[in-house]
Amino acid sequence: MLFSILAVGDVVGEPGLRHLEKHLRSLKKLKNISFAVVNGENASEVGLTPEQAWRIYDAGADVVTLGNHTFGKMQLCGLMDEASWLLRPANLSSRAPGRGCGVYDVNGVSVRVMNLIGRCDLDWKAADPFTTADGLLAKEKVDITLIDFHAEATSEKLAMSYYLDGRVSALWGTHTHVPTADERVCPKGTGYITDLGMTGAVESVLGIEPWQSVESFLGGLPGRYKSAQGPCKLQGAIFTVDTETGRCTAVERVDLR
């Protein structure tokens, strides 16, 4: 049986959140999506509140993943311990609240979702994501395994795709907010794209008011990040997986404006 998975790039600010709420369910219906994973760590520009997490979940996300701004809003910690659908990077400290991996039943199909964070130019305090993935993959057998790898360096993401090729169904990158054009099925059957892009304002710098980034690069003090306004986009990818083999058969980029 073919199983369609939608992965949605980082939701940025209130404009991105409203765009997701408006379009996610209709997109899932249009594309016959069985399971949706949304990265929500920038819904408050830096971090995610419990109320925003619930809005993403209620909009149609089956799992909400995080990244380097996991603890940008500390009030989220309680929900991380309670909500099985909310994941933070698995290779953060074991003392941190929440979980980094979950297994979900979708009409008899077992789907494992893993959230990892990269260490290259991002978070050297995190444990090795490669060996963390090994440990989580060894725990139980499932039909489909999906990974949101929240990382800065394209090289680290690409290396992970080769390392896990044939052992996971799909692996996608988040964090940089710019979609890459390298979607493919790897040689041993893992669906891959280096970065999904973002869900937020079209006229922006990574979802933020352009003048703030310009001021920062000029050496000024841009102040607290503000989400850009105006028309928005929802970016991501659809992975088609054969549940009999756990291998990906196709990857399609999504850019809904």
Protein backbone atom coordinates (compact mmCIF):
# COMPACT_ATOMS: atom_id res chain seq x y z
CA MET A 1 0.00 0.00 0.00
CA LEU A 2 1.23 3.49 -0.85
CA PHE A 3 1.21 5.97 2.03
CA SER A 4 1.54 9.75 1.51
CA ILE A 5 3.38 11.88 4.08
CA LEU A 6 3.40 15.68 4.08
CA ALA A 7 6.32 17.46 5.76
CA VAL A 8 5.86 21.21 6.27
CA GLY A 9 8.71 23.68 6.75
CA ASP A 10 9.17 25.96 9.77
CA VAL A 11 6.04 27.99 10.61
CA VAL A 12 7.11 31.61 11.19
CA GLY A 13 5.02 34.00 13.27
CA GLU A 14 1.31 34.70 13.29
CA PRO A 15 1.12 35.19 9.49
CA GLY A 16 2.60 31.74 8.87
CA LEU A 17 0.38 30.18 11.50
CA ARG A 18 -2.79 31.67 10.00
CA HIS A 19 -1.72 30.53 6.51
CA LEU A 20 -1.21 27.00 7.84
CA GLU A 21 -4.61 27.01 9.54
CA LYS A 22 -6.27 28.18 6.34
CA HIS A 23 -4.68 25.69 3.94
CA LEU A 24 -3.29 22.57 5.67
CA ARG A 25 -6.49 20.48 5.80
CA SER A 26 -7.48 21.31 2.22
CA LEU A 27 -3.96 20.47 1.02
CA LYS A 28 -4.08 17.14 2.85
CA LYS A 29 -7.42 16.35 1.19
CA LEU A 30 -6.24 17.44 -2.26
CA LYS A 31 -3.07 15.34 -2.09
CA ASN A 32 -4.63 12.40 -0.21
CA ILE A 33 -2.19 12.82 2.69
CA SER A 34 -2.24 10.12 5.38
CA PHE A 35 0.15 11.77 7.84
CA ALA A 36 1.48 15.30 8.29
CA VAL A 37 4.52 16.56 10.21
CA VAL A 38 4.93 20.31 10.77
CA ASN A 39 7.95 22.09 12.22
CA GLY A 40 6.58 24.78 14.51
CA GLU A 41 9.55 26.15 16.42
CA ASN A 42 9.33 29.68 14.97
CA ALA A 43 5.61 30.30 15.47
CA SER A 44 6.59 32.94 18.07
CA GLU A 45 9.52 34.01 15.88
CA VAL A 46 11.82 32.48 18.52
CA GLY A 47 10.05 29.53 20.11
CA LEU A 48 6.51 28.17 20.34
CA THR A 49 3.82 28.70 22.98
CA PRO A 50 1.46 25.92 24.11
CA GLU A 51 -1.48 27.75 22.51
CA GLN A 52 0.37 27.95 19.18
CA ALA A 53 1.34 24.28 19.39
CA TRP A 54 -2.33 23.35 19.80
CA ARG A 55 -3.27 25.59 16.87
CA ILE A 56 -0.81 23.76 14.63
CA TYR A 57 -2.10 20.39 15.82
CA ASP A 58 -5.74 21.44 15.40
CA ALA A 59 -4.95 22.76 11.90
CA GLY A 60 -4.22 19.18 10.82
CA ALA A 61 -0.67 18.32 11.91
CA ASP A 62 -0.28 14.78 13.23
CA VAL A 63 3.12 15.63 14.73
CA VAL A 64 4.71 19.00 15.57
CA THR A 65 8.52 19.10 15.65
CA LEU A 66 10.95 21.64 17.12
CA GLY A 67 14.62 22.64 16.83
CA ASN A 68 17.20 25.05 18.20
CA HIS A 69 14.45 27.31 19.63
CA THR A 70 12.81 24.42 21.51
CA PHE A 71 13.12 26.30 24.81
CA GLY A 72 12.52 29.78 23.39
CA LYS A 73 9.19 29.75 25.24
CA MET A 74 9.71 27.90 28.51
CA GLN A 75 5.97 27.55 29.15
CA LEU A 76 5.99 24.89 26.43
CA CYS A 77 7.91 22.48 28.69
CA GLY A 78 4.77 21.20 30.43
CA LEU A 79 3.06 20.40 27.16
CA MET A 80 6.20 18.64 25.87
CA ASP A 81 5.86 16.14 28.71
CA GLU A 82 2.14 15.60 28.09
CA ALA A 83 1.55 15.69 24.33
CA SER A 84 2.73 12.61 22.43
CA TRP A 85 2.40 14.57 19.16
CA LEU A 86 4.94 17.24 20.20
CA LEU A 87 8.60 16.32 19.66
CA ARG A 88 11.85 18.12 20.51
CA PRO A 89 15.26 17.04 19.19
CA ALA A 90 16.09 13.58 20.56
CA ASN A 91 19.80 14.34 20.90
CA LEU A 92 19.29 17.13 23.43
CA SER A 93 20.10 16.28 27.05
CA SER A 94 18.11 13.44 28.61
CA ARG A 95 17.44 15.86 31.47
CA ALA A 96 15.43 18.09 29.12
CA PRO A 97 11.63 17.78 29.19
CA GLY A 98 9.75 16.08 26.39
CA ARG A 99 10.59 13.34 23.94
CA GLY A 100 12.43 13.22 20.64
CA CYS A 101 10.81 10.18 19.05
CA GLY A 102 7.27 8.84 18.86
CA VAL A 103 5.45 5.94 17.22
CA TYR A 104 1.94 6.53 15.89
CA ASP A 105 -0.70 4.14 14.56
CA VAL A 106 -2.39 5.30 11.36
CA ASN A 107 -5.09 2.80 10.39
CA GLY A 108 -2.82 -0.13 11.21
CA VAL A 109 0.35 1.42 9.78
CA SER A 110 3.00 2.14 12.43
CA VAL A 111 4.81 5.43 11.81
CA ARG A 112 7.89 6.42 13.80
CA VAL A 113 8.85 10.12 13.77
CA MET A 114 12.26 11.20 14.98
CA ASN A 115 13.39 14.80 15.58
CA LEU A 116 17.15 15.49 15.54
CA ILE A 117 19.26 18.64 15.72
CA GLY A 118 22.55 19.20 13.92
CA ARG A 119 25.78 20.24 15.61
CA CYS A 120 27.66 21.91 12.75
CA ASP A 121 27.39 25.70 13.33
CA LEU A 122 24.27 25.17 15.40
CA ASP A 123 24.36 23.27 18.73
CA TRP A 124 27.58 21.58 19.79
CA LYS A 125 26.01 20.84 23.18
CA ALA A 126 23.73 18.28 21.58
CA ALA A 127 24.74 14.63 21.41
CA ASP A 128 25.87 13.12 18.12
CA PRO A 129 22.73 12.94 15.94
CA PHE A 130 24.12 10.02 13.91
CA THR A 131 24.55 7.65 16.85
CA THR A 132 21.35 8.97 18.44
CA ALA A 133 19.50 7.85 15.31
CA ASP A 134 21.17 4.43 15.54
CA GLY A 135 19.95 3.97 19.10
CA LEU A 136 16.37 4.98 18.33
CA LEU A 137 16.19 2.80 15.22
CA ALA A 138 17.26 -0.24 17.25
CA LYS A 139 14.41 0.07 19.75
CA GLU A 140 11.49 -1.38 17.78
CA LYS A 141 10.38 -2.41 14.33
CA VAL A 142 7.87 -0.18 12.55
CA ASP A 143 6.44 0.14 9.04
CA ILE A 144 7.63 3.69 8.33
CA THR A 145 10.34 5.89 9.90
CA LEU A 146 10.47 9.65 9.30
CA ILE A 147 13.14 12.12 10.42
CA ASP A 148 13.05 15.90 10.75
CA PHE A 149 16.73 16.87 10.90
CA HIS A 150 16.90 20.47 12.11
CA ALA A 151 20.37 21.52 10.99
CA GLU A 152 22.31 24.46 9.57
CA ALA A 153 24.88 22.81 7.31
CA THR A 154 23.81 21.19 4.06
CA SER A 155 26.82 18.88 4.36
CA GLU A 156 25.62 17.51 7.71
CA LYS A 157 22.14 16.87 6.30
CA LEU A 158 23.51 15.20 3.17
CA ALA A 159 25.88 13.05 5.23
CA MET A 160 22.94 11.91 7.36
CA SER A 161 21.00 10.94 4.23
CA TYR A 162 23.82 8.63 3.13
CA TYR A 163 24.28 7.28 6.65
CA LEU A 164 20.60 6.35 7.03
CA ASP A 165 19.78 5.49 3.41
CA GLY A 166 17.74 2.29 3.36
CA ARG A 167 17.16 2.40 7.13
CA VAL A 168 14.52 5.15 7.21
CA SER A 169 11.65 5.92 4.84
CA ALA A 170 12.17 9.67 4.59
CA LEU A 171 14.57 12.29 5.92
CA TRP A 172 14.13 16.03 5.48
CA GLY A 173 15.97 19.09 6.66
CA THR A 174 14.52 22.12 8.43
CA HIS A 175 15.94 25.32 9.97
CA THR A 176 17.30 27.38 7.07
CA HIS A 177 13.82 28.42 5.79
CA VAL A 178 14.92 28.26 2.14
CA PRO A 179 13.72 25.25 0.09
CA THR A 180 16.34 23.26 -1.77
CA ALA A 181 15.85 21.75 -5.22
CA ASP A 182 17.45 18.36 -4.44
CA GLU A 183 14.41 16.25 -3.60
CA ARG A 184 15.05 12.63 -4.54
CA VAL A 185 14.83 8.99 -3.59
CA CYS A 186 18.28 7.89 -2.42
CA PRO A 187 19.87 4.71 -3.87
CA LYS A 188 18.62 2.42 -1.08
CA GLY A 189 15.12 3.85 -0.89
CA THR A 190 15.12 6.80 1.52
CA GLY A 191 13.21 9.91 0.42
CA TYR A 192 15.27 13.06 0.97
CA ILE A 193 15.36 16.85 0.64
CA THR A 194 17.99 19.10 2.25
CA ASP A 195 15.51 21.76 3.39
CA LEU A 196 11.73 22.08 3.19
CA GLY A 197 11.62 25.88 3.29
CA MET A 198 9.18 27.72 5.55
CA THR A 199 5.58 28.69 6.13
CA GLY A 200 5.39 32.46 6.41
CA ALA A 201 5.48 35.79 4.59
CA VAL A 202 6.70 35.77 0.99
CA GLU A 203 8.28 39.24 1.18
CA SER A 204 10.60 38.64 4.12
CA VAL A 205 14.02 37.46 5.18
CA LEU A 206 13.32 33.98 6.53
CA GLY A 207 9.85 35.15 7.61
CA ILE A 208 11.09 38.26 9.44
CA GLU A 209 10.73 41.94 8.46
CA PRO A 210 13.48 42.55 5.85
CA TRP A 211 14.64 45.83 7.40
CA GLN A 212 15.56 44.00 10.60
CA SER A 213 17.97 41.72 8.78
CA VAL A 214 19.37 44.61 6.77
CA GLU A 215 19.96 46.59 9.97
CA SER A 216 21.67 43.60 11.56
CA PHE A 217 24.04 43.15 8.61
CA LEU A 218 24.82 46.88 8.70
CA GLY A 219 25.95 46.47 12.29
CA GLY A 220 22.93 48.07 13.94
CA LEU A 221 20.56 46.87 16.64
CA PRO A 222 17.53 45.34 14.91
CA GLY A 223 15.58 44.69 18.13
CA ARG A 224 13.14 41.86 18.78
CA TYR A 225 12.29 39.95 15.63
CA LYS A 226 8.96 40.86 14.02
CA SER A 227 7.16 38.66 11.52
CA ALA A 228 6.77 40.18 8.08
CA GLN A 229 3.21 40.81 6.91
CA GLY A 230 1.52 40.28 3.56
CA PRO A 231 0.88 37.23 1.35
CA CYS A 232 2.26 33.96 2.69
CA LYS A 233 3.54 30.64 1.40
CA LEU A 234 3.43 27.09 2.76
CA GLN A 235 6.48 25.08 1.72
CA GLY A 236 7.34 21.46 2.25
CA ALA A 237 7.44 18.09 0.53
CA ILE A 238 5.28 15.03 -0.01
CA PHE A 239 6.90 11.61 0.40
CA THR A 240 5.16 8.55 -1.04
CA VAL A 241 6.13 5.39 0.86
CA ASP A 242 5.41 1.72 0.18
CA THR A 243 4.23 0.31 3.51
CA GLU A 244 5.26 -3.22 2.52
CA THR A 245 8.93 -2.29 2.14
CA GLY A 246 9.14 0.97 4.08
CA ARG A 247 10.88 2.53 1.08
CA CYS A 248 10.06 5.85 -0.53
CA THR A 249 8.90 5.76 -4.15
CA ALA A 250 8.55 9.48 -4.89
CA VAL A 251 9.22 12.96 -3.47
CA GLU A 252 7.34 16.09 -4.52
CA ARG A 253 8.07 19.64 -3.41
CA VAL A 254 5.16 21.80 -2.21
CA ASP A 255 4.90 25.60 -2.44
CA LEU A 256 1.38 26.84 -1.72
CA ARG A 257 0.86 30.60 -2.02
